[in-house]
Amino acid sequence: MVPKSLEGAMCIINTRYGFSTIELLAGVAVMGIVAAIALPKWSSLFPSYALNNAARQIQSELHHLKMRAAAENVGFELSYLQGASSYAIQRDSKTLVTKPLADGTTITKAGFISFSPRGTAGANRVRLSNASGMCRQVVVSATGRVRVCTPDNCTLDC
């Protein structure tokens, strides 16, 4: 005879925890099908992300150069070549560093943007494009305002 205090402790609990192998395989198969459907769409978004990344990188660099020119009381310049995937930062006409753009992004027209110690700029724009034919422009006004825009056509300015 079992004492009353141990009566409930002796029962065997036959509950199932976790997933079976078949359930796990079915879940992995469903995830694989969803990934196969979504992958072509995702891969078409990467060039767009790279182009936006390059435009934001140049915009940030121009803001930094404007502040640095005022702080150091020296002229700074961002120069770029047509067909290049990088740009150079210059101080007093001496190249300090060359920085790469995101993969697949190229500059479509050569030029330079200079900042004076007073904060004004040589107005110009950096034209960027990718292999998909998308375009972005980083525009700098004479007062030093920097903005990114998307032209209607890659041959036009925005």
Protein backbone atom coordinates (compact mmCIF):
# COMPACT_ATOMS: atom_id res chain seq x y z
CA MET A 1 0.00 0.00 0.00
CA VAL A 2 1.23 3.48 -0.96
CA PRO A 3 1.06 6.25 1.64
CA LYS A 4 -1.28 9.11 0.73
CA SER A 5 1.58 11.63 0.63
CA LEU A 6 3.29 9.80 -2.30
CA GLU A 7 0.16 8.87 -4.20
CA GLY A 8 0.44 11.62 -6.88
CA ALA A 9 4.20 11.35 -7.22
CA MET A 10 4.13 7.85 -8.64
CA CYS A 11 2.01 8.57 -11.67
CA ILE A 12 3.85 8.53 -14.94
CA ILE A 13 3.23 11.57 -17.09
CA ASN A 14 3.10 10.65 -20.73
CA THR A 15 3.11 14.12 -22.31
CA ARG A 16 5.08 14.96 -25.45
CA TYR A 17 7.41 17.97 -25.55
CA GLY A 18 8.99 19.45 -28.69
CA PHE A 19 8.52 18.63 -32.35
CA SER A 20 8.90 15.37 -34.20
CA THR A 21 11.38 14.96 -37.03
CA ILE A 22 8.60 14.97 -39.60
CA GLU A 23 7.21 18.26 -38.27
CA LEU A 24 10.66 19.84 -38.38
CA LEU A 25 11.26 18.65 -41.95
CA ALA A 26 7.87 19.99 -43.03
CA GLY A 27 8.68 23.39 -41.47
CA VAL A 28 12.07 23.54 -43.18
CA ALA A 29 10.49 22.60 -46.53
CA VAL A 30 7.90 25.38 -46.24
CA MET A 31 10.62 27.90 -45.35
CA GLY A 32 12.65 26.74 -48.36
CA ILE A 33 9.73 27.22 -50.72
CA VAL A 34 9.05 30.72 -49.37
CA ALA A 35 12.75 31.61 -49.70
CA ALA A 36 12.84 30.33 -53.30
CA ILE A 37 9.89 32.56 -54.17
CA ALA A 38 11.32 35.64 -52.39
CA LEU A 39 14.97 35.36 -53.53
CA PRO A 40 14.59 36.85 -57.04
CA LYS A 41 12.83 39.90 -55.61
CA TRP A 42 15.48 40.36 -52.93
CA SER A 43 18.37 40.11 -55.38
CA SER A 44 16.82 42.82 -57.56
CA LEU A 45 16.75 45.18 -54.56
CA PHE A 46 20.48 44.97 -53.80
CA PRO A 47 21.64 47.32 -56.63
CA SER A 48 19.11 49.92 -55.45
CA TYR A 49 20.36 49.66 -51.87
CA ALA A 50 23.98 49.98 -53.02
CA LEU A 51 23.16 53.12 -55.06
CA ASN A 52 21.32 54.72 -52.13
CA ASN A 53 24.21 53.79 -49.84
CA ALA A 54 26.73 55.46 -52.17
CA ALA A 55 24.63 58.64 -52.40
CA ARG A 56 24.30 58.86 -48.60
CA GLN A 57 28.04 58.19 -48.22
CA ILE A 58 28.94 61.09 -50.52
CA GLN A 59 26.36 63.36 -48.87
CA SER A 60 27.81 62.59 -45.45
CA GLU A 61 31.36 63.10 -46.70
CA LEU A 62 30.44 66.51 -48.14
CA HIS A 63 28.88 67.61 -44.84
CA HIS A 64 32.03 66.48 -43.05
CA LEU A 65 34.30 68.36 -45.48
CA LYS A 66 32.26 71.54 -45.09
CA MET A 67 32.63 71.43 -41.29
CA ARG A 68 36.29 70.48 -41.49
CA ALA A 69 37.09 73.37 -43.85
CA ALA A 70 35.57 75.82 -41.39
CA ALA A 71 37.23 74.21 -38.36
CA GLU A 72 40.73 74.01 -39.83
CA ASN A 73 40.46 77.27 -41.83
CA VAL A 74 41.67 75.47 -44.97
CA GLY A 75 39.99 74.64 -48.26
CA PHE A 76 38.87 71.05 -48.88
CA GLU A 77 37.81 69.40 -52.11
CA LEU A 78 36.03 66.22 -53.16
CA SER A 79 37.12 65.22 -56.67
CA TYR A 80 35.80 62.41 -58.83
CA LEU A 81 36.33 60.98 -62.30
CA GLN A 82 33.87 59.73 -64.88
CA GLY A 83 33.41 55.96 -64.76
CA ALA A 84 35.19 55.71 -61.41
CA SER A 85 33.90 53.78 -58.43
CA SER A 86 35.79 55.94 -55.93
CA TYR A 87 36.43 59.58 -55.09
CA ALA A 88 39.33 61.53 -53.60
CA ILE A 89 39.42 64.00 -50.72
CA GLN A 90 41.95 66.78 -51.09
CA ARG A 91 43.26 69.46 -48.76
CA ASP A 92 45.10 72.38 -50.33
CA SER A 93 45.27 70.42 -53.62
CA LYS A 94 46.97 67.43 -51.94
CA THR A 95 45.11 64.12 -51.98
CA LEU A 96 44.53 62.90 -48.43
CA VAL A 97 42.54 59.75 -49.10
CA THR A 98 40.68 57.91 -51.84
CA LYS A 99 37.45 56.23 -50.77
CA PRO A 100 35.51 53.53 -52.67
CA LEU A 101 31.80 53.58 -53.42
CA ALA A 102 29.41 50.67 -52.93
CA ASP A 103 29.82 47.75 -55.35
CA GLY A 104 28.21 48.26 -58.74
CA THR A 105 27.98 52.06 -58.35
CA THR A 106 29.85 54.38 -60.70
CA ILE A 107 30.21 58.11 -61.17
CA THR A 108 28.86 59.20 -64.56
CA LYS A 109 30.49 62.64 -64.92
CA ALA A 110 33.83 63.98 -63.70
CA GLY A 111 34.13 67.05 -61.52
CA PHE A 112 34.97 68.39 -58.09
CA ILE A 113 33.26 70.14 -55.19
CA SER A 114 35.31 72.54 -53.11
CA PHE A 115 34.58 74.06 -49.71
CA SER A 116 36.12 77.29 -48.48
CA PRO A 117 36.91 78.00 -44.83
CA ARG A 118 33.87 80.33 -44.76
CA GLY A 119 31.51 77.41 -45.42
CA THR A 120 30.65 78.28 -49.00
CA ALA A 121 31.07 75.76 -51.78
CA GLY A 122 31.82 75.50 -55.44
CA ALA A 123 28.35 74.46 -56.59
CA ASN A 124 28.30 71.16 -58.44
CA ARG A 125 26.74 67.71 -58.36
CA VAL A 126 27.94 64.13 -58.18
CA ARG A 127 26.04 61.92 -60.62
CA LEU A 128 25.83 58.25 -59.66
CA SER A 129 24.40 55.26 -61.51
CA ASN A 130 24.34 51.48 -61.16
CA ALA A 131 24.24 48.55 -63.58
CA SER A 132 20.41 48.48 -63.43
CA GLY A 133 20.24 51.96 -64.98
CA MET A 134 19.10 53.72 -61.80
CA CYS A 135 20.50 57.18 -61.02
CA ARG A 136 20.98 59.46 -58.02
CA GLN A 137 22.57 62.87 -57.73
CA VAL A 138 24.18 64.56 -54.76
CA VAL A 139 23.72 68.29 -55.32
CA VAL A 140 25.70 71.03 -53.57
CA SER A 141 24.56 74.65 -53.81
CA ALA A 142 26.87 77.69 -53.64
CA THR A 143 25.81 78.26 -50.04
CA GLY A 144 26.99 74.76 -49.10
CA ARG A 145 23.60 73.04 -48.89
CA VAL A 146 23.92 69.32 -49.71
CA ARG A 147 20.99 67.20 -50.85
CA VAL A 148 20.31 63.93 -52.67
CA CYS A 149 17.79 63.77 -55.50
CA THR A 150 16.57 61.31 -58.12
CA PRO A 151 16.34 62.62 -61.69
CA ASP A 152 13.52 61.58 -64.02
CA ASN A 153 16.10 60.56 -66.58
CA CYS A 154 19.80 59.78 -66.07
CA THR A 155 20.78 62.36 -68.66
CA LEU A 156 18.90 65.17 -66.90
CA ASP A 157 19.62 67.10 -63.73
CA CYS A 158 17.21 67.26 -60.85
